[in-house]
Amino acid sequence: ILITYFLGSGLVFGVSESERQALEEELKKLENQIDQYEETVDNYKVQGKSLQQEIGRLNTKVKKLDLQIQATNISLQKLDKDVADTEGEIRVTEEKIDLNKEALREALRNIYENDGETLIMVLLKNPSLSNFFTDVNNLLTIQESIRVRAERIGKLRDELLEHNEELSLERSDASS
């Protein structure tokens, strides 16, 4: 009888029905909080993975930019070497131009010296007719030499200008 009284009245080992319901409600609240914490932990795991992925992506991007900088520096070094080589070629070409100008001056001086003499004077000055024709031939050779040297100077100058423009374009392309 006593056992049924305890069982029938809702007391089980000294715990009432209202206390049991309060404990069950407290247990449900704790289980809900545990579920929320587990969900938060899972979210943090996902965020951690995505942050690690973002860090990895950014590190890869930094490495790529470093390689691009190195490639640009190498290109600039190559262009600097090309510019130095071209400057050397320019000096050599300018020396050739100077030599051609000097040869041109010498040829013009010979023509000027011979210009004051008429053909009759040159003929009378030479003891033989073959010497006269040799002098005339020399004069024609000098005139042809002047023409050839003038053309050569023009070509060398054009080549220098063209090469200089090409290097300037390459340099501006590489630095942009």
N, C-alpha and C. Protein backbone atom coordinates (compact mmCIF):
# COMPACT_ATOMS: atom_id res chain seq x y z
N ILE A 1 0.82 -1.17 0.00
CA ILE A 1 0.00 0.00 0.00
C ILE A 1 0.88 1.25 0.00
N LEU A 2 1.86 1.22 0.69
CA LEU A 2 2.73 2.36 0.77
C LEU A 2 3.40 2.62 -0.58
N ILE A 3 3.75 1.53 -1.24
CA ILE A 3 4.42 1.68 -2.54
C ILE A 3 3.45 2.28 -3.53
N THR A 4 2.22 1.83 -3.57
CA THR A 4 1.27 2.40 -4.48
C THR A 4 0.95 3.84 -4.12
N TYR A 5 1.00 4.12 -2.88
CA TYR A 5 0.73 5.49 -2.48
C TYR A 5 1.81 6.37 -3.06
N PHE A 6 3.06 5.91 -2.95
CA PHE A 6 4.15 6.72 -3.48
C PHE A 6 4.11 6.76 -5.00
N LEU A 7 3.80 5.62 -5.60
CA LEU A 7 3.76 5.59 -7.05
C LEU A 7 2.53 6.33 -7.58
N GLY A 8 1.42 6.13 -6.90
CA GLY A 8 0.20 6.75 -7.34
C GLY A 8 0.22 8.24 -7.12
N SER A 9 0.93 8.71 -6.15
CA SER A 9 0.92 10.13 -5.85
C SER A 9 1.94 10.88 -6.68
N GLY A 10 2.79 10.14 -7.44
CA GLY A 10 3.75 10.79 -8.32
C GLY A 10 5.10 10.96 -7.66
N LEU A 11 5.26 10.44 -6.49
CA LEU A 11 6.56 10.54 -5.85
C LEU A 11 7.36 9.32 -6.21
N VAL A 12 8.46 9.51 -6.78
CA VAL A 12 9.34 8.40 -7.11
C VAL A 12 10.65 8.71 -6.43
N PHE A 13 10.95 7.89 -5.51
CA PHE A 13 12.18 8.03 -4.76
C PHE A 13 12.32 9.45 -4.24
N GLY A 14 11.35 10.05 -3.83
CA GLY A 14 11.37 11.33 -3.19
C GLY A 14 11.32 12.51 -4.14
N VAL A 15 11.01 12.33 -5.46
CA VAL A 15 10.95 13.43 -6.42
C VAL A 15 9.51 13.57 -6.86
N SER A 16 9.01 14.78 -6.79
CA SER A 16 7.61 15.00 -7.18
C SER A 16 7.52 15.19 -8.68
N GLU A 17 6.31 15.11 -9.19
CA GLU A 17 6.05 15.25 -10.62
C GLU A 17 6.44 16.64 -11.10
N SER A 18 6.18 17.66 -10.38
CA SER A 18 6.52 19.02 -10.79
C SER A 18 8.03 19.22 -10.79
N GLU A 19 8.72 18.61 -9.87
CA GLU A 19 10.17 18.69 -9.85
C GLU A 19 10.74 17.94 -11.05
N ARG A 20 10.15 16.80 -11.35
CA ARG A 20 10.59 16.02 -12.48
C ARG A 20 10.39 16.82 -13.76
N GLN A 21 9.26 17.47 -13.95
CA GLN A 21 9.01 18.27 -15.15
C GLN A 21 9.97 19.45 -15.21
N ALA A 22 10.26 20.06 -14.08
CA ALA A 22 11.21 21.17 -14.04
C ALA A 22 12.59 20.69 -14.45
N LEU A 23 12.99 19.50 -13.98
CA LEU A 23 14.28 18.93 -14.34
C LEU A 23 14.33 18.59 -15.83
N GLU A 24 13.21 18.05 -16.34
CA GLU A 24 13.16 17.73 -17.78
C GLU A 24 13.25 19.00 -18.62
N GLU A 25 12.56 20.06 -18.19
CA GLU A 25 12.63 21.32 -18.91
C GLU A 25 14.05 21.90 -18.87
N GLU A 26 14.68 21.81 -17.70
CA GLU A 26 16.05 22.27 -17.56
C GLU A 26 16.98 21.46 -18.46
N LEU A 27 16.75 20.14 -18.50
CA LEU A 27 17.53 19.25 -19.35
C LEU A 27 17.34 19.62 -20.81
N LYS A 28 16.11 19.92 -21.24
CA LYS A 28 15.85 20.32 -22.63
C LYS A 28 16.55 21.62 -22.95
N LYS A 29 16.53 22.57 -22.01
CA LYS A 29 17.23 23.84 -22.24
C LYS A 29 18.72 23.60 -22.40
N LEU A 30 19.28 22.77 -21.56
CA LEU A 30 20.71 22.48 -21.64
C LEU A 30 21.05 21.76 -22.95
N GLU A 31 20.19 20.83 -23.36
CA GLU A 31 20.42 20.13 -24.63
C GLU A 31 20.34 21.10 -25.81
N ASN A 32 19.39 22.06 -25.75
CA ASN A 32 19.29 23.08 -26.80
C ASN A 32 20.55 23.95 -26.84
N GLN A 33 21.02 24.34 -25.65
CA GLN A 33 22.24 25.14 -25.60
C GLN A 33 23.44 24.35 -26.15
N ILE A 34 23.49 23.07 -25.78
CA ILE A 34 24.56 22.21 -26.30
C ILE A 34 24.49 22.16 -27.82
N ASP A 35 23.28 21.97 -28.37
CA ASP A 35 23.10 21.95 -29.83
C ASP A 35 23.55 23.27 -30.45
N GLN A 36 23.19 24.40 -29.81
CA GLN A 36 23.60 25.71 -30.33
C GLN A 36 25.13 25.83 -30.31
N TYR A 37 25.76 25.39 -29.22
CA TYR A 37 27.21 25.46 -29.14
C TYR A 37 27.87 24.58 -30.19
N GLU A 38 27.30 23.40 -30.41
CA GLU A 38 27.84 22.52 -31.45
C GLU A 38 27.71 23.17 -32.83
N GLU A 39 26.58 23.81 -33.06
CA GLU A 39 26.37 24.50 -34.33
C GLU A 39 27.37 25.66 -34.48
N THR A 40 27.59 26.39 -33.39
CA THR A 40 28.56 27.49 -33.41
C THR A 40 29.96 26.97 -33.68
N VAL A 41 30.34 25.86 -33.04
CA VAL A 41 31.64 25.24 -33.26
C VAL A 41 31.77 24.82 -34.72
N ASP A 42 30.73 24.21 -35.28
CA ASP A 42 30.76 23.81 -36.69
C ASP A 42 30.93 25.03 -37.60
N ASN A 43 30.21 26.11 -37.26
CA ASN A 43 30.35 27.35 -38.05
C ASN A 43 31.77 27.89 -37.98
N TYR A 44 32.36 27.85 -36.78
CA TYR A 44 33.73 28.31 -36.63
C TYR A 44 34.69 27.42 -37.42
N LYS A 45 34.43 26.14 -37.46
CA LYS A 45 35.27 25.24 -38.25
C LYS A 45 35.20 25.63 -39.73
N VAL A 46 33.98 25.87 -40.21
CA VAL A 46 33.79 26.26 -41.62
C VAL A 46 34.47 27.60 -41.88
N GLN A 47 34.27 28.56 -40.95
CA GLN A 47 34.89 29.86 -41.12
C GLN A 47 36.42 29.73 -41.08
N GLY A 48 36.91 28.90 -40.21
CA GLY A 48 38.35 28.68 -40.12
C GLY A 48 38.89 28.11 -41.41
N LYS A 49 38.18 27.15 -41.97
CA LYS A 49 38.62 26.57 -43.25
C LYS A 49 38.59 27.62 -44.35
N SER A 50 37.51 28.41 -44.40
CA SER A 50 37.41 29.41 -45.46
C SER A 50 38.45 30.52 -45.24
N LEU A 51 38.76 30.86 -43.99
CA LEU A 51 39.82 31.84 -43.74
C LEU A 51 41.17 31.28 -44.15
N GLN A 52 41.41 30.01 -43.87
CA GLN A 52 42.67 29.39 -44.29
C GLN A 52 42.76 29.36 -45.82
N GLN A 53 41.63 29.09 -46.46
CA GLN A 53 41.62 29.10 -47.93
C GLN A 53 41.91 30.50 -48.45
N GLU A 54 41.32 31.51 -47.82
CA GLU A 54 41.55 32.89 -48.24
C GLU A 54 43.01 33.28 -48.03
N ILE A 55 43.57 32.87 -46.91
CA ILE A 55 44.98 33.15 -46.64
C ILE A 55 45.85 32.44 -47.69
N GLY A 56 45.54 31.21 -47.98
CA GLY A 56 46.26 30.48 -49.01
C GLY A 56 46.15 31.15 -50.37
N ARG A 57 44.96 31.60 -50.70
CA ARG A 57 44.74 32.29 -51.97
C ARG A 57 45.56 33.58 -52.03
N LEU A 58 45.55 34.33 -50.93
CA LEU A 58 46.30 35.58 -50.90
C LEU A 58 47.81 35.33 -50.95
N ASN A 59 48.28 34.29 -50.28
CA ASN A 59 49.70 33.94 -50.34
C ASN A 59 50.11 33.58 -51.77
N THR A 60 49.25 32.84 -52.45
CA THR A 60 49.52 32.48 -53.85
C THR A 60 49.57 33.73 -54.72
N LYS A 61 48.66 34.65 -54.47
CA LYS A 61 48.63 35.89 -55.24
C LYS A 61 49.90 36.71 -55.00
N VAL A 62 50.36 36.75 -53.75
CA VAL A 62 51.59 37.47 -53.42
C VAL A 62 52.78 36.83 -54.14
N LYS A 63 52.85 35.50 -54.14
CA LYS A 63 53.94 34.81 -54.84
C LYS A 63 53.92 35.11 -56.33
N LYS A 64 52.71 35.14 -56.91
CA LYS A 64 52.57 35.44 -58.33
C LYS A 64 53.07 36.85 -58.62
N LEU A 65 52.69 37.82 -57.78
CA LEU A 65 53.14 39.19 -57.97
C LEU A 65 54.66 39.30 -57.81
N ASP A 66 55.22 38.57 -56.86
CA ASP A 66 56.68 38.56 -56.70
C ASP A 66 57.36 38.06 -57.98
N LEU A 67 56.82 37.00 -58.57
CA LEU A 67 57.39 36.46 -59.81
C LEU A 67 57.26 37.46 -60.96
N GLN A 68 56.12 38.16 -61.00
CA GLN A 68 55.94 39.17 -62.04
C GLN A 68 56.95 40.31 -61.88
N ILE A 69 57.21 40.69 -60.63
CA ILE A 69 58.20 41.74 -60.36
C ILE A 69 59.58 41.27 -60.80
N GLN A 70 59.92 40.02 -60.47
CA GLN A 70 61.21 39.48 -60.89
C GLN A 70 61.33 39.46 -62.41
N ALA A 71 60.26 39.04 -63.08
CA ALA A 71 60.28 38.99 -64.55
C ALA A 71 60.45 40.39 -65.13
N THR A 72 59.77 41.38 -64.55
CA THR A 72 59.90 42.75 -65.02
C THR A 72 61.32 43.27 -64.81
N ASN A 73 61.89 42.95 -63.64
CA ASN A 73 63.26 43.38 -63.36
C ASN A 73 64.25 42.76 -64.34
N ILE A 74 64.05 41.49 -64.67
CA ILE A 74 64.93 40.82 -65.64
C ILE A 74 64.77 41.47 -67.01
N SER A 75 63.53 41.79 -67.39
CA SER A 75 63.30 42.45 -68.68
C SER A 75 63.99 43.81 -68.72
N LEU A 76 63.90 44.54 -67.61
CA LEU A 76 64.55 45.85 -67.56
C LEU A 76 66.07 45.71 -67.62
N GLN A 77 66.62 44.70 -66.97
CA GLN A 77 68.06 44.47 -67.03
C GLN A 77 68.49 44.16 -68.46
N LYS A 78 67.69 43.32 -69.14
CA LYS A 78 67.99 42.98 -70.53
C LYS A 78 67.94 44.23 -71.41
N LEU A 79 66.91 45.05 -71.20
CA LEU A 79 66.79 46.27 -71.99
C LEU A 79 67.95 47.23 -71.69
N ASP A 80 68.36 47.30 -70.42
CA ASP A 80 69.50 48.16 -70.09
C ASP A 80 70.76 47.69 -70.81
N LYS A 81 70.93 46.36 -70.88
CA LYS A 81 72.08 45.81 -71.61
C LYS A 81 71.96 46.14 -73.10
N ASP A 82 70.74 45.99 -73.65
CA ASP A 82 70.53 46.33 -75.06
C ASP A 82 70.82 47.80 -75.32
N VAL A 83 70.39 48.65 -74.38
CA VAL A 83 70.64 50.09 -74.53
C VAL A 83 72.15 50.36 -74.51
N ALA A 84 72.86 49.70 -73.58
CA ALA A 84 74.31 49.87 -73.52
C ALA A 84 74.97 49.40 -74.81
N ASP A 85 74.52 48.24 -75.33
CA ASP A 85 75.06 47.73 -76.60
C ASP A 85 74.79 48.71 -77.73
N THR A 86 73.57 49.24 -77.76
CA THR A 86 73.19 50.17 -78.81
C THR A 86 74.00 51.46 -78.71
N GLU A 87 74.23 51.91 -77.47
CA GLU A 87 75.06 53.10 -77.30
C GLU A 87 76.46 52.85 -77.85
N GLY A 88 76.98 51.64 -77.63
CA GLY A 88 78.28 51.28 -78.21
C GLY A 88 78.23 51.30 -79.73
N GLU A 89 77.15 50.73 -80.28
CA GLU A 89 76.99 50.73 -81.74
C GLU A 89 76.87 52.17 -82.26
N ILE A 90 76.19 53.00 -81.50
CA ILE A 90 76.04 54.40 -81.91
C ILE A 90 77.41 55.08 -81.95
N ARG A 91 78.23 54.83 -80.93
CA ARG A 91 79.58 55.43 -80.92
C ARG A 91 80.38 54.96 -82.14
N VAL A 92 80.31 53.65 -82.43
CA VAL A 92 81.04 53.12 -83.59
C VAL A 92 80.52 53.76 -84.87
N THR A 93 79.21 53.86 -84.99
CA THR A 93 78.62 54.44 -86.20
C THR A 93 78.98 55.91 -86.32
N GLU A 94 78.97 56.63 -85.18
CA GLU A 94 79.36 58.04 -85.22
C GLU A 94 80.82 58.18 -85.66
N GLU A 95 81.67 57.25 -85.22
CA GLU A 95 83.07 57.28 -85.67
C GLU A 95 83.15 57.05 -87.18
N LYS A 96 82.32 56.11 -87.68
CA LYS A 96 82.30 55.87 -89.12
C LYS A 96 81.83 57.12 -89.87
N ILE A 97 80.81 57.77 -89.31
CA ILE A 97 80.30 59.00 -89.93
C ILE A 97 81.40 60.06 -89.95
N ASP A 98 82.12 60.19 -88.82
CA ASP A 98 83.20 61.17 -88.77
C ASP A 98 84.28 60.86 -89.80
N LEU A 99 84.63 59.56 -89.94
CA LEU A 99 85.63 59.17 -90.95
C LEU A 99 85.13 59.50 -92.36
N ASN A 100 83.85 59.21 -92.60
CA ASN A 100 83.30 59.51 -93.92
C ASN A 100 83.25 61.01 -94.16
N LYS A 101 82.97 61.79 -93.12
CA LYS A 101 82.96 63.25 -93.28
C LYS A 101 84.36 63.75 -93.61
N GLU A 102 85.35 63.18 -92.92
CA GLU A 102 86.73 63.60 -93.18
C GLU A 102 87.13 63.25 -94.61
N ALA A 103 86.75 62.06 -95.06
CA ALA A 103 87.05 61.66 -96.44
C ALA A 103 86.33 62.58 -97.42
N LEU A 104 85.12 62.94 -97.07
CA LEU A 104 84.33 63.85 -97.91
C LEU A 104 85.01 65.23 -97.96
N ARG A 105 85.50 65.73 -96.82
CA ARG A 105 86.21 67.02 -96.79
C ARG A 105 87.46 66.98 -97.68
N GLU A 106 88.19 65.87 -97.57
CA GLU A 106 89.41 65.72 -98.37
C GLU A 106 89.07 65.71 -99.85
N ALA A 107 88.01 65.01 -100.20
CA ALA A 107 87.61 64.96 -101.61
C ALA A 107 87.16 66.34 -102.09
N LEU A 108 86.42 67.04 -101.25
CA LEU A 108 85.98 68.39 -101.64
C LEU A 108 87.17 69.34 -101.75
N ARG A 109 88.16 69.18 -100.87
CA ARG A 109 89.36 70.02 -100.93
C ARG A 109 90.10 69.78 -102.25
N ASN A 110 90.19 68.51 -102.66
CA ASN A 110 90.85 68.19 -103.95
C ASN A 110 90.09 68.80 -105.11
N ILE A 111 88.78 68.72 -105.04
CA ILE A 111 87.97 69.32 -106.13
C ILE A 111 88.16 70.82 -106.14
N TYR A 112 88.18 71.43 -104.95
CA TYR A 112 88.35 72.89 -104.88
C TYR A 112 89.70 73.30 -105.45
N GLU A 113 90.73 72.52 -105.09
CA GLU A 113 92.07 72.84 -105.59
C GLU A 113 92.13 72.72 -107.10
N ASN A 114 91.43 71.75 -107.64
CA ASN A 114 91.45 71.53 -109.08
C ASN A 114 90.40 72.35 -109.81
N ASP A 115 89.47 72.92 -109.07
CA ASP A 115 88.36 73.64 -109.69
C ASP A 115 88.82 74.94 -110.35
N GLY A 116 89.85 75.53 -109.82
CA GLY A 116 90.33 76.79 -110.37
C GLY A 116 91.01 76.62 -111.72
N GLU A 117 91.38 75.44 -112.03
CA GLU A 117 92.08 75.19 -113.28
C GLU A 117 91.08 74.78 -114.37
N THR A 118 91.26 75.34 -115.50
CA THR A 118 90.42 74.96 -116.63
C THR A 118 91.02 73.70 -117.25
N LEU A 119 90.26 73.08 -118.13
CA LEU A 119 90.74 71.88 -118.78
C LEU A 119 91.99 72.17 -119.62
N ILE A 120 92.03 73.34 -120.20
CA ILE A 120 93.20 73.69 -121.02
C ILE A 120 94.43 73.82 -120.13
N MET A 121 94.24 74.41 -118.93
CA MET A 121 95.37 74.56 -118.01
C MET A 121 95.86 73.20 -117.54
N VAL A 122 94.93 72.31 -117.28
CA VAL A 122 95.30 70.97 -116.84
C VAL A 122 96.02 70.25 -117.98
N LEU A 123 95.54 70.45 -119.20
CA LEU A 123 96.16 69.82 -120.36
C LEU A 123 97.58 70.34 -120.58
N LEU A 124 97.74 71.67 -120.45
CA LEU A 124 99.06 72.27 -120.65
C LEU A 124 100.00 71.92 -119.50
N LYS A 125 99.44 71.74 -118.31
CA LYS A 125 100.25 71.44 -117.14
C LYS A 125 100.82 70.03 -117.21
N ASN A 126 100.11 69.14 -117.83
CA ASN A 126 100.56 67.75 -117.93
C ASN A 126 101.40 67.57 -119.18
N PRO A 127 102.57 66.94 -119.01
CA PRO A 127 103.46 66.75 -120.16
C PRO A 127 102.91 65.77 -121.19
N SER A 128 102.00 64.89 -120.75
CA SER A 128 101.47 63.93 -121.72
C SER A 128 99.96 63.90 -121.63
N LEU A 129 99.37 63.42 -122.71
CA LEU A 129 97.92 63.32 -122.77
C LEU A 129 97.40 62.27 -121.79
N SER A 130 98.12 61.23 -121.56
CA SER A 130 97.68 60.18 -120.63
C SER A 130 97.64 60.72 -119.20
N ASN A 131 98.58 61.59 -118.84
CA ASN A 131 98.54 62.22 -117.51
C ASN A 131 97.29 63.09 -117.37
N PHE A 132 96.95 63.79 -118.46
CA PHE A 132 95.75 64.61 -118.45
C PHE A 132 94.50 63.75 -118.18
N PHE A 133 94.40 62.65 -118.91
CA PHE A 133 93.23 61.78 -118.71
C PHE A 133 93.25 61.12 -117.33
N THR A 134 94.41 60.86 -116.81
CA THR A 134 94.51 60.31 -115.46
C THR A 134 93.99 61.33 -114.45
N ASP A 135 94.36 62.58 -114.61
CA ASP A 135 93.87 63.63 -113.71
C ASP A 135 92.35 63.79 -113.81
N VAL A 136 91.83 63.76 -115.03
CA VAL A 136 90.38 63.86 -115.22
C VAL A 136 89.68 62.65 -114.57
N ASN A 137 90.27 61.48 -114.80
CA ASN A 137 89.70 60.27 -114.21
C ASN A 137 89.73 60.35 -112.67
N ASN A 138 90.83 60.87 -112.13
CA ASN A 138 90.94 61.04 -110.67
C ASN A 138 89.85 61.99 -110.16
N LEU A 139 89.61 63.04 -110.89
CA LEU A 139 88.58 64.00 -110.51
C LEU A 139 87.20 63.35 -110.52
N LEU A 140 86.91 62.55 -111.54
CA LEU A 140 85.62 61.85 -111.59
C LEU A 140 85.51 60.83 -110.46
N THR A 141 86.62 60.18 -110.14
CA THR A 141 86.63 59.20 -109.04
C THR A 141 86.36 59.91 -107.72
N ILE A 142 86.96 61.06 -107.54
CA ILE A 142 86.73 61.83 -106.31
C ILE A 142 85.26 62.23 -106.20
N GLN A 143 84.69 62.69 -107.29
CA GLN A 143 83.27 63.08 -107.27
C GLN A 143 82.38 61.89 -106.93
N GLU A 144 82.68 60.72 -107.51
CA GLU A 144 81.89 59.51 -107.21
C GLU A 144 82.06 59.12 -105.74
N SER A 145 83.29 59.25 -105.23
CA SER A 145 83.56 58.93 -103.83
C SER A 145 82.76 59.85 -102.91
N ILE A 146 82.66 61.11 -103.27
CA ILE A 146 81.87 62.06 -102.48
C ILE A 146 80.40 61.64 -102.45
N ARG A 147 79.88 61.27 -103.60
CA ARG A 147 78.47 60.86 -103.67
C ARG A 147 78.24 59.62 -102.81
N VAL A 148 79.12 58.60 -102.91
CA VAL A 148 78.97 57.35 -102.16
C VAL A 148 79.06 57.61 -100.67
N ARG A 149 80.01 58.41 -100.26
CA ARG A 149 80.18 58.71 -98.83
C ARG A 149 78.99 59.49 -98.27
N ALA A 150 78.46 60.39 -99.04
CA ALA A 150 77.28 61.15 -98.59
C ALA A 150 76.09 60.20 -98.40
N GLU A 151 75.91 59.27 -99.33
CA GLU A 151 74.84 58.29 -99.17
C GLU A 151 75.06 57.42 -97.94
N ARG A 152 76.29 56.99 -97.72
CA ARG A 152 76.62 56.13 -96.58
C ARG A 152 76.35 56.87 -95.26
N ILE A 153 76.72 58.13 -95.20
CA ILE A 153 76.46 58.92 -93.99
C ILE A 153 74.95 59.00 -93.72
N GLY A 154 74.20 59.25 -94.76
CA GLY A 154 72.73 59.32 -94.61
C GLY A 154 72.14 58.01 -94.12
N LYS A 155 72.59 56.89 -94.68
CA LYS A 155 72.09 55.58 -94.27
C LYS A 155 72.45 55.28 -92.82
N LEU A 156 73.68 55.55 -92.44
CA LEU A 156 74.11 55.30 -91.06
C LEU A 156 73.28 56.12 -90.07
N ARG A 157 73.06 57.36 -90.40
CA ARG A 157 72.27 58.23 -89.52
C ARG A 157 70.83 57.71 -89.41
N ASP A 158 70.23 57.29 -90.52
CA ASP A 158 68.87 56.75 -90.49
C ASP A 158 68.80 55.48 -89.65
N GLU A 159 69.80 54.59 -89.79
CA GLU A 159 69.83 53.35 -89.00
C GLU A 159 69.91 53.66 -87.52
N LEU A 160 70.75 54.62 -87.16
CA LEU A 160 70.88 55.00 -85.75
C LEU A 160 69.56 55.52 -85.19
N LEU A 161 68.91 56.38 -85.92
CA LEU A 161 67.64 56.93 -85.46
C LEU A 161 66.58 55.85 -85.29
N GLU A 162 66.51 54.95 -86.26
CA GLU A 162 65.52 53.87 -86.21
C GLU A 162 65.78 52.94 -85.03
N HIS A 163 67.02 52.56 -84.83
CA HIS A 163 67.39 51.66 -83.73
C HIS A 163 67.12 52.33 -82.38
N ASN A 164 67.40 53.59 -82.29
CA ASN A 164 67.17 54.33 -81.06
C ASN A 164 65.67 54.39 -80.73
N GLU A 165 64.84 54.61 -81.74
CA GLU A 165 63.40 54.64 -81.54
C GLU A 165 62.88 53.28 -81.07
N GLU A 166 63.38 52.20 -81.67
CA GLU A 166 62.95 50.85 -81.27
C GLU A 166 63.26 50.59 -79.81
N LEU A 167 64.45 50.94 -79.38
CA LEU A 167 64.83 50.73 -77.98
C LEU A 167 63.98 51.60 -77.04
N SER A 168 63.69 52.79 -77.44
CA SER A 168 62.85 53.66 -76.62
C SER A 168 61.46 53.06 -76.44
N LEU A 169 60.91 52.51 -77.52
CA LEU A 169 59.59 51.87 -77.44
C LEU A 169 59.62 50.65 -76.54
N GLU A 170 60.66 49.82 -76.69
CA GLU A 170 60.78 48.62 -75.85
C GLU A 170 60.90 49.01 -74.38
N ARG A 171 61.68 50.02 -74.10
CA ARG A 171 61.89 50.46 -72.72
C ARG A 171 60.58 50.97 -72.13
N SER A 172 59.82 51.75 -72.87
CA SER A 172 58.56 52.28 -72.35
C SER A 172 57.53 51.16 -72.18
N ASP A 173 57.55 50.16 -73.09
CA ASP A 173 56.64 49.01 -72.94
C ASP A 173 56.97 48.20 -71.71
N ALA A 174 58.25 47.99 -71.46
CA ALA A 174 58.66 47.16 -70.32
C ALA A 174 58.40 47.85 -68.99
N SER A 175 58.52 49.16 -68.95
CA SER A 175 58.32 49.83 -67.67
C SER A 175 56.85 50.10 -67.39
N SER A 176 55.97 49.89 -68.34
CA SER A 176 54.54 50.10 -68.05
C SER A 176 53.83 48.83 -67.75
